[in-house]
Protein backbone atom coordinates (compact mmCIF):
# COMPACT_ATOMS: atom_id res chain seq x y z
CA MET A 1 -45.41 1.65 -50.95
CA LYS A 2 -41.70 1.14 -51.30
CA THR A 3 -41.07 5.50 -50.79
CA PHE A 4 -43.43 5.09 -47.45
CA LEU A 5 -41.62 2.44 -45.91
CA PHE A 6 -38.61 3.90 -46.40
CA LYS A 7 -39.54 7.33 -45.01
CA ILE A 8 -40.50 4.86 -42.20
CA ALA A 9 -37.34 3.44 -41.56
CA VAL A 10 -35.60 6.99 -41.64
CA VAL A 11 -37.79 8.60 -39.30
CA SER A 12 -37.39 5.25 -37.11
CA VAL A 13 -33.71 5.75 -37.39
CA VAL A 14 -33.71 9.58 -36.32
CA ILE A 15 -35.85 8.54 -33.35
CA VAL A 16 -33.57 5.68 -32.27
CA GLY A 17 -30.57 7.87 -32.63
CA GLY A 18 -32.09 10.77 -30.95
CA PHE A 19 -33.40 9.03 -28.31
CA TYR A 20 -30.07 7.22 -27.66
CA ALA A 21 -27.98 10.78 -27.84
CA CYS A 22 -30.55 12.03 -25.23
CA LEU A 23 -29.80 9.17 -22.77
CA LEU A 24 -25.86 9.73 -23.61
CA ILE A 25 -25.93 13.27 -22.54
CA TRP A 26 -28.20 12.57 -19.69
CA GLY A 27 -26.06 9.85 -18.17
CA VAL A 28 -22.59 12.04 -18.43
CA TRP A 29 -24.55 14.97 -16.81
CA TYR A 30 -26.26 12.53 -13.84
CA ASP A 31 -22.77 11.11 -13.64
CA GLU A 32 -21.07 14.58 -12.98
CA TRP A 33 -23.54 15.91 -10.90
CA SER A 34 -25.24 13.02 -8.98
CA GLY A 35 -21.77 12.62 -6.64
CA TYR A 36 -20.51 9.91 -8.88
CA ASN A 37 -17.71 11.84 -10.14
CA ALA A 38 -16.91 13.10 -6.99
CA SER A 39 -16.82 9.87 -5.62
CA ILE A 40 -13.76 9.12 -7.60
CA SER A 41 -12.26 12.17 -7.44
CA VAL A 42 -9.38 12.84 -4.69
CA SER A 43 -9.18 16.80 -5.14
CA ASN A 44 -11.83 18.80 -4.16
CA GLY A 45 -10.81 21.53 -6.83
CA MET A 46 -8.10 23.22 -4.44
CA CYS A 47 -6.08 20.53 -3.11
CA ASN A 48 -3.22 19.22 -5.75
CA ILE A 49 -1.44 16.66 -3.38
CA ALA A 50 -2.98 13.09 -2.86
CA VAL A 51 -2.35 11.88 0.95
CA VAL A 52 -2.32 8.35 1.01
CA PRO A 53 -2.55 6.80 4.56
CA ILE A 54 -0.27 3.66 5.25
CA THR A 55 -1.51 3.16 9.00
CA GLY A 56 -1.54 0.07 11.45
CA GLU A 57 -1.39 -3.41 9.96
CA ILE A 58 -0.79 -4.12 6.20
CA THR A 59 -3.02 -6.67 4.94
CA PRO A 60 -4.82 -8.04 2.06
CA PHE A 61 -8.15 -8.72 3.76
CA GLU A 62 -10.90 -5.80 4.35
CA TYR A 63 -11.89 -5.99 7.92
CA ASN A 64 -15.43 -5.43 8.97
CA LEU A 65 -14.45 -2.65 11.83
CA GLU A 66 -15.60 1.21 12.28
CA ASP A 67 -12.09 2.30 12.26
CA SER A 68 -10.27 1.63 9.48
CA SER A 69 -7.02 3.87 10.53
CA ILE A 70 -5.84 1.13 12.16
CA TYR A 71 -5.37 -1.07 9.31
CA THR A 72 -4.13 -0.71 5.23
CA ASN A 73 -5.99 -2.78 2.77
CA ILE A 74 -4.57 -3.29 -0.01
CA ASP A 75 -7.32 -3.01 -2.86
CA SER A 76 -8.70 0.10 -1.43
CA THR A 77 -5.42 1.92 -1.07
CA VAL A 78 -4.19 0.86 -4.57
CA SER A 79 -7.74 2.16 -5.91
CA TYR A 80 -7.12 5.10 -4.18
CA ILE A 81 -4.02 5.51 -5.89
CA ASN A 82 -5.67 4.96 -9.34
CA ALA A 83 -8.57 7.44 -8.65
CA ALA A 84 -5.31 10.06 -7.63
CA GLU A 85 -3.45 9.34 -11.11
CA SER A 86 -6.87 9.51 -13.00
CA ASP A 87 -7.58 13.04 -11.16
CA PRO A 88 -6.20 15.66 -13.44
CA ASN A 89 -5.83 18.01 -10.37
CA ILE A 90 -3.66 15.79 -8.44
CA LEU A 91 0.30 16.73 -9.05
CA GLY A 92 1.97 14.46 -6.56
CA MET A 93 1.27 11.94 -3.56
CA LEU A 94 2.28 11.76 0.00
CA LEU A 95 2.26 8.48 1.57
CA ARG A 96 1.67 9.55 4.92
CA ILE A 97 3.10 6.28 7.04
CA ASP A 98 2.34 5.07 10.97
CA SER A 99 2.67 1.35 10.30
CA TYR A 100 4.87 -1.25 11.90
CA GLY A 101 4.17 -3.90 9.03
CA GLY A 102 1.90 -6.51 8.08
CA TYR A 103 1.74 -9.05 5.26
CA PRO A 104 4.81 -9.05 3.05
CA ALA A 105 2.78 -9.73 -0.10
CA ALA A 106 0.39 -7.19 0.54
CA SER A 107 3.28 -4.72 1.18
CA GLU A 108 4.97 -5.47 -1.67
CA VAL A 109 1.81 -4.83 -3.99
CA ILE A 110 1.68 -1.23 -2.48
CA ALA A 111 5.31 -0.33 -2.90
CA ASN A 112 5.18 -1.58 -6.32
CA LYS A 113 2.16 0.29 -7.32
CA VAL A 114 3.70 3.66 -5.84
CA LYS A 115 6.72 3.05 -7.47
CA GLN A 116 5.06 2.62 -10.71
CA SER A 117 2.98 5.27 -10.77
CA SER A 118 3.79 8.50 -12.54
CA LEU A 119 3.27 11.22 -9.72
CA PRO A 120 5.97 12.24 -8.00
CA SER A 121 5.72 10.94 -4.38
CA VAL A 122 7.01 11.51 -0.90
CA GLY A 123 6.94 8.86 1.98
CA LEU A 124 6.57 10.35 4.84
CA ILE A 125 7.67 8.02 8.23
CA ARG A 126 5.92 9.92 11.02
CA GLU A 127 5.90 7.25 14.03
CA ALA A 128 6.82 4.33 12.44
CA GLY A 129 7.87 3.11 9.09
CA THR A 130 9.22 -0.30 9.76
CA SER A 131 9.02 -4.08 8.04
CA GLY A 132 5.92 -4.01 5.53
CA GLY A 133 5.65 0.09 6.09
CA TYR A 134 9.10 0.72 5.50
CA LEU A 135 8.77 -1.52 2.12
CA ILE A 136 5.81 0.73 1.17
CA ALA A 137 8.39 3.83 1.74
CA THR A 138 11.07 2.43 -0.76
CA GLY A 139 8.43 2.53 -3.45
CA ALA A 140 8.40 6.65 -3.13
CA ASP A 141 10.55 8.71 -5.02
CA THR A 142 12.20 10.10 -1.66
CA ILE A 143 11.37 9.33 2.10
CA ILE A 144 11.33 11.91 4.84
CA ALA A 145 11.19 10.86 8.44
CA SER A 146 10.44 12.29 12.01
CA PRO A 147 13.84 12.62 13.98
CA PHE A 148 11.72 10.55 16.65
CA SER A 149 10.80 8.00 14.14
CA ASP A 150 10.84 4.26 13.74
CA VAL A 151 12.46 3.20 10.54
CA GLY A 152 13.61 -0.31 9.23
CA GLY A 153 12.99 -3.49 10.73
CA ILE A 154 13.74 -5.35 7.36
CA GLY A 155 13.32 -8.99 8.32
CA VAL A 156 10.83 -11.53 8.49
CA THR A 157 8.91 -13.58 11.32
CA MET A 158 6.94 -16.16 11.93
CA SER A 159 7.04 -16.85 15.49
CA TYR A 160 4.08 -17.76 17.37
CA LEU A 161 2.87 -19.04 20.97
CA GLU A 162 2.94 -23.13 21.28
CA ASN A 163 -0.04 -24.50 23.42
CA TRP A 164 0.68 -28.07 23.50
CA LYS A 165 2.37 -27.84 26.99
CA GLN A 166 -0.29 -26.09 28.32
CA ASN A 167 -3.11 -28.41 26.86
CA GLN A 168 -1.08 -31.66 28.05
CA ASP A 169 -1.62 -30.01 31.37
CA SER A 170 -5.18 -29.90 31.30
CA GLY A 171 -5.28 -33.31 29.87
CA LEU A 172 -5.81 -32.25 26.52
CA ASN A 173 -4.22 -34.41 23.42
CA TYR A 174 -3.55 -33.33 19.90
CA VAL A 175 -4.86 -35.47 17.27
CA SER A 176 -2.79 -35.18 13.99
CA LEU A 177 -5.17 -36.01 10.85
CA SER A 178 -3.33 -34.82 7.75
CA SER A 179 -2.86 -36.23 4.51
CA ALA A 180 0.78 -35.17 3.96
CA PRO A 181 3.35 -35.23 7.08
CA TYR A 182 3.64 -31.49 7.31
CA LYS A 183 0.40 -30.58 6.28
CA ASP A 184 -0.15 -29.02 9.96
CA TYR A 185 2.94 -28.13 10.92
CA GLY A 186 3.20 -24.93 12.98
CA ASN A 187 0.01 -25.60 14.68
CA PRO A 188 0.53 -24.40 18.48
CA ASP A 189 -1.28 -27.39 19.67
CA LYS A 190 1.55 -29.51 18.88
CA PRO A 191 5.44 -29.62 19.59
CA LEU A 192 7.50 -28.01 16.88
CA THR A 193 9.98 -30.98 15.03
CA GLN A 194 13.54 -30.28 14.30
CA LYS A 195 12.79 -30.82 10.57
CA GLU A 196 9.49 -28.28 10.56
CA ARG A 197 11.40 -25.75 12.17
CA GLU A 198 14.42 -26.32 9.11
CA LEU A 199 11.36 -25.69 6.76
CA PHE A 200 9.99 -22.61 8.69
CA GLU A 201 13.81 -21.30 8.58
CA ARG A 202 14.21 -22.26 4.75
CA ASP A 203 11.34 -20.01 3.93
CA LEU A 204 12.11 -17.07 6.04
CA LYS A 205 15.70 -17.39 4.29
CA ILE A 206 14.40 -16.73 0.85
CA TRP A 207 11.71 -14.12 1.95
CA HIS A 208 14.30 -12.28 3.77
CA GLU A 209 16.79 -12.50 0.82
CA TYR A 210 13.79 -11.15 -1.59
CA PHE A 211 13.11 -8.47 1.09
CA VAL A 212 16.67 -7.20 1.24
CA GLU A 213 17.06 -7.22 -2.75
CA LEU A 214 13.79 -5.14 -3.12
CA VAL A 215 15.32 -2.35 -0.43
CA ALA A 216 18.40 -2.55 -2.33
CA LYS A 217 16.54 -1.96 -5.55
CA ASN A 218 14.32 0.59 -4.78
CA ARG A 219 16.62 2.30 -2.55
CA GLU A 220 19.62 2.26 -5.38
CA LEU A 221 21.79 0.84 -2.68
CA PHE A 222 24.07 -2.24 -2.85
CA VAL A 223 22.84 -5.34 -1.85
CA GLU A 224 25.93 -5.83 0.63
CA ASP A 225 24.93 -2.62 2.38
CA VAL A 226 21.48 -3.35 3.08
CA VAL A 227 22.56 -6.80 4.59
CA ASN A 228 24.95 -5.50 7.00
CA ILE A 229 21.61 -3.58 8.62
CA ALA A 230 18.97 -6.06 7.77
CA ASP A 231 19.10 -7.70 11.09
CA GLY A 232 15.28 -7.17 11.93
CA SER A 233 16.08 -4.15 13.90
CA THR A 234 14.60 -0.88 13.58
CA LEU A 235 16.50 2.73 13.66
CA PRO A 236 15.51 6.19 14.96
CA GLY A 237 15.46 8.32 12.02
CA LYS A 238 18.88 10.05 12.31
CA LEU A 239 20.45 6.58 12.28
CA ALA A 240 18.22 5.72 9.37
CA LEU A 241 19.69 9.02 7.39
CA GLU A 242 22.94 7.87 8.33
CA ASN A 243 22.75 4.15 6.59
CA ASN A 244 20.74 5.65 3.70
CA LEU A 245 17.75 4.26 4.31
CA ILE A 246 15.64 7.99 4.33
CA ASP A 247 16.48 10.79 2.40
CA ALA A 248 16.11 13.58 5.05
CA LEU A 249 14.67 14.22 8.31
CA GLY A 250 11.68 16.25 9.04
CA ASP A 251 8.01 16.55 8.34
CA LYS A 252 4.98 16.92 5.98
CA GLU A 253 6.42 20.94 5.62
CA THR A 254 9.54 19.41 4.61
CA ALA A 255 7.47 17.25 2.15
CA ARG A 256 5.30 20.41 0.99
CA GLN A 257 8.97 22.06 -0.02
CA TRP A 258 10.27 18.59 -1.73
CA PHE A 259 7.08 19.07 -4.14
CA ALA A 260 7.66 22.50 -4.72
CA ASP A 261 11.06 21.94 -5.70
CA GLU A 262 9.78 19.04 -7.94
CA LEU A 263 6.67 20.71 -9.23
CA ASP A 264 8.50 24.17 -9.83
CA MET A 265 5.76 25.39 -7.42
CA LEU A 266 5.81 27.76 -4.42
CA PRO A 267 5.16 26.16 -1.43
CA THR A 268 2.20 28.00 -0.56
CA GLU A 269 0.53 26.41 -4.08
CA VAL A 270 1.14 22.95 -2.86
CA ILE A 271 -1.78 21.90 -1.05
CA PHE A 272 -2.41 18.33 0.55
CA CYS A 273 -5.87 16.47 -0.02
CA GLU A 274 -6.82 15.87 3.50
């Protein structure tokens, strides 16, 4: 009786084990051929340089828009870079930048992600790479910009349009109901007091100094040199090169040659995933 039960137990283990093995094999096959792996791969098997678009406003939010090219979402961008790093066919990363900036923290996260990546990277500024757009570019190993590009814009702004006078002329009165004296400061429907302005300027100074430090660190420049050009203005490509904000003037073909030199390949072997 015991022998019979033992045989049944052994057969049961074999059946269960075989069933599990079949499920595992089927799962791997299904992931490979159902399109799941394709959905997380960057390369089509031919291209080897991931192209990361940094366009429009840089934001932590996911907007419900049909045309996602007018903004750069932090989570989508980081996920794409992760996918590029995991794709064995990808040998480098091109940041294709056309952005006048956006949210500072979102820009910092993307810049840090690029800087920490093991993939050789190029920040290619085409039309504009200013403010947060430029900060992201500084995370790359090298920055190339068009001679017609707008570069820099190192600074932070919190400017806004006041409505209180227009409301007053229309007979509308702002009623402040806040648990703390500065909870609603910056509300455009009320005049900005001197103390409230001082609070804004305090924060702007802190953020500006940190922005300068990040640029100096990423670009391996002296903080004092960055301070001298961090007045919020932008520079055309030529002046940006003279002030060490970029490394070269050029276009995608200039970037292709940089990757070829970096990866010890022929330029014709450098294929962008576009």
